[in-house]
């Protein structure tokens, strides 16, 4: 004979919350990793500049190499993008376009020039390419 108390009829809230939080971190981290890899793959190694509207070309590889992702527990989200450019507006200017200042050396002097950069997005297209597969990653993700 099986005896059940009233508490046995309800979920263990702490256990369910823990399983959901673990699954959420895992799924968001995997999504961030896939978006990062897709963004890296969009940036191809080519000579010259990319046409406006296409992802930028990589000449030395730093933009591809410096794309990271991280889970932010405060906002329960994942952040994906280039980091480590030390106050350089280059990644932002490539993604969204706009005006920026370029420094160059001519005859030993630093010359600053204002230039307009047309959009060569790589993070937005990477998210859009991965968006259809995101709901599938949530399926059966909560394990008890």
Protein backbone atom coordinates (compact mmCIF):
# COMPACT_ATOMS: atom_id res chain seq x y z
CA UNK A 1 0.00 0.00 0.00
CA UNK A 2 1.27 3.46 -0.98
CA UNK A 3 0.61 6.37 1.30
CA UNK A 4 0.96 9.92 0.05
CA UNK A 5 0.99 13.04 2.13
CA UNK A 6 -0.37 16.34 0.83
CA UNK A 7 3.19 17.63 0.21
CA UNK A 8 3.95 14.64 -2.01
CA UNK A 9 1.38 15.89 -4.52
CA UNK A 10 3.28 19.13 -5.28
CA UNK A 11 6.53 19.88 -7.07
CA UNK A 12 9.64 20.50 -5.05
CA UNK A 13 9.97 24.18 -5.96
CA UNK A 14 13.68 24.48 -5.20
CA UNK A 15 14.51 21.42 -7.28
CA UNK A 16 12.39 22.62 -10.23
CA UNK A 17 13.86 26.13 -10.09
CA UNK A 18 17.37 24.70 -9.94
CA UNK A 19 16.74 22.46 -12.96
CA UNK A 20 15.24 25.35 -14.95
CA UNK A 21 18.14 27.67 -14.06
CA UNK A 22 20.74 25.06 -15.07
CA UNK A 23 18.94 24.42 -18.34
CA UNK A 24 18.59 28.15 -19.03
CA UNK A 25 22.32 28.76 -18.50
CA UNK A 26 23.24 25.80 -20.69
CA UNK A 27 20.89 26.72 -23.54
CA UNK A 28 21.84 30.40 -23.53
CA UNK A 29 25.55 29.53 -23.42
CA UNK A 30 25.17 27.17 -26.37
CA UNK A 31 23.20 29.80 -28.28
CA UNK A 32 25.96 32.34 -27.59
CA UNK A 33 28.60 29.90 -28.80
CA UNK A 34 26.72 29.19 -32.03
CA UNK A 35 26.10 32.90 -32.71
CA UNK A 36 29.79 33.64 -32.04
CA UNK A 37 30.91 30.90 -34.44
CA UNK A 38 28.51 32.07 -37.13
CA UNK A 39 29.77 35.66 -36.76
CA UNK A 40 33.37 34.45 -37.03
CA UNK A 41 32.51 32.47 -40.16
CA UNK A 42 30.86 35.49 -41.78
CA UNK A 43 34.13 37.44 -41.56
CA UNK A 44 36.19 35.98 -44.40
CA UNK A 45 39.90 36.42 -45.02
CA UNK A 46 40.15 38.57 -48.16
CA UNK A 47 42.25 41.38 -49.57
CA UNK A 48 40.69 44.81 -49.92
CA UNK A 49 37.55 46.14 -48.33
CA UNK A 50 34.21 44.40 -48.25
CA UNK A 51 31.38 45.94 -50.25
CA UNK A 52 28.91 47.97 -48.16
CA UNK A 53 26.20 45.79 -46.68
CA UNK A 54 28.38 42.65 -46.65
CA UNK A 55 30.32 41.42 -43.59
CA UNK A 56 33.80 42.96 -43.26
CA UNK A 57 36.88 41.22 -44.60
CA UNK A 58 39.60 40.09 -42.23
CA UNK A 59 43.15 41.13 -43.03
CA UNK A 60 45.00 40.18 -39.87
CA UNK A 61 42.31 38.26 -37.97
CA UNK A 62 41.89 40.36 -34.83
CA UNK A 63 38.18 41.06 -35.34
CA UNK A 64 37.40 37.35 -35.77
CA UNK A 65 39.63 36.36 -32.88
CA UNK A 66 38.17 38.89 -30.44
CA UNK A 67 34.49 37.89 -30.73
CA UNK A 68 33.41 36.38 -27.40
CA UNK A 69 30.20 35.46 -25.63
CA UNK A 70 29.22 35.43 -21.97
CA UNK A 71 26.19 34.58 -19.88
CA UNK A 72 24.99 37.50 -17.75
CA UNK A 73 23.18 36.13 -14.67
CA UNK A 74 21.95 39.58 -13.63
CA UNK A 75 19.77 39.91 -16.73
CA UNK A 76 19.44 36.19 -17.58
CA UNK A 77 20.83 36.83 -21.04
CA UNK A 78 23.84 36.10 -23.17
CA UNK A 79 26.03 38.82 -24.66
CA UNK A 80 27.92 38.14 -27.90
CA UNK A 81 30.29 40.53 -29.66
CA UNK A 82 33.81 41.82 -30.21
CA UNK A 83 35.81 42.98 -27.18
CA UNK A 84 39.35 44.17 -26.50
CA UNK A 85 39.65 47.04 -28.96
CA UNK A 86 40.68 49.60 -26.30
CA UNK A 87 38.33 52.50 -26.94
CA UNK A 88 38.34 51.86 -30.69
CA UNK A 89 35.06 52.63 -32.44
CA UNK A 90 35.93 50.20 -35.26
CA UNK A 91 33.61 47.26 -34.40
CA UNK A 92 30.66 49.58 -33.75
CA UNK A 93 31.35 51.55 -36.94
CA UNK A 94 31.52 48.34 -38.98
CA UNK A 95 28.29 46.96 -37.53
CA UNK A 96 26.17 50.11 -37.75
CA UNK A 97 28.11 52.47 -40.02
CA UNK A 98 28.63 56.15 -39.25
CA UNK A 99 31.31 58.78 -38.88
CA UNK A 100 34.54 58.13 -37.02
CA UNK A 101 38.06 59.47 -36.72
CA UNK A 102 40.98 57.58 -38.22
CA UNK A 103 44.57 58.12 -37.09
CA UNK A 104 47.44 57.58 -39.50
CA UNK A 105 51.11 58.51 -39.67
CA UNK A 106 52.48 60.62 -42.46
CA UNK A 107 56.12 61.68 -42.41
CA UNK A 108 56.36 60.99 -38.69
CA UNK A 109 53.26 63.00 -37.74
CA UNK A 110 49.95 61.65 -36.55
CA UNK A 111 47.17 62.80 -38.85
CA UNK A 112 43.52 62.58 -37.77
CA UNK A 113 40.89 62.33 -40.48
CA UNK A 114 37.08 62.17 -40.16
CA UNK A 115 35.67 59.43 -42.36
CA UNK A 116 32.25 57.96 -43.01
CA UNK A 117 32.10 54.18 -42.86
CA UNK A 118 29.23 52.38 -44.51
CA UNK A 119 27.57 49.51 -42.65
CA UNK A 120 29.25 46.10 -42.85
CA UNK A 121 27.25 44.21 -40.25
CA UNK A 122 28.37 40.82 -38.95
CA UNK A 123 26.73 40.34 -35.54
CA UNK A 124 23.15 41.10 -36.62
CA UNK A 125 23.28 38.70 -39.58
CA UNK A 126 24.83 36.02 -37.35
CA UNK A 127 21.90 36.31 -34.92
CA UNK A 128 19.37 36.21 -37.76
CA UNK A 129 21.04 33.13 -39.23
CA UNK A 130 20.89 31.31 -35.86
CA UNK A 131 17.42 32.56 -34.82
CA UNK A 132 15.45 29.64 -36.39
CA UNK A 133 17.46 27.05 -34.43
CA UNK A 134 17.12 28.77 -31.03
CA UNK A 135 13.68 27.33 -30.06
CA UNK A 136 14.89 23.81 -30.86
CA UNK A 137 17.66 24.17 -28.26
CA UNK A 138 15.03 24.73 -25.54
CA UNK A 139 13.17 21.49 -26.32
CA UNK A 140 13.71 18.89 -23.59
CA UNK A 141 16.36 21.08 -21.94
CA UNK A 142 15.01 20.86 -18.36
CA UNK A 143 16.17 17.65 -16.75
CA UNK A 144 15.18 16.73 -13.25
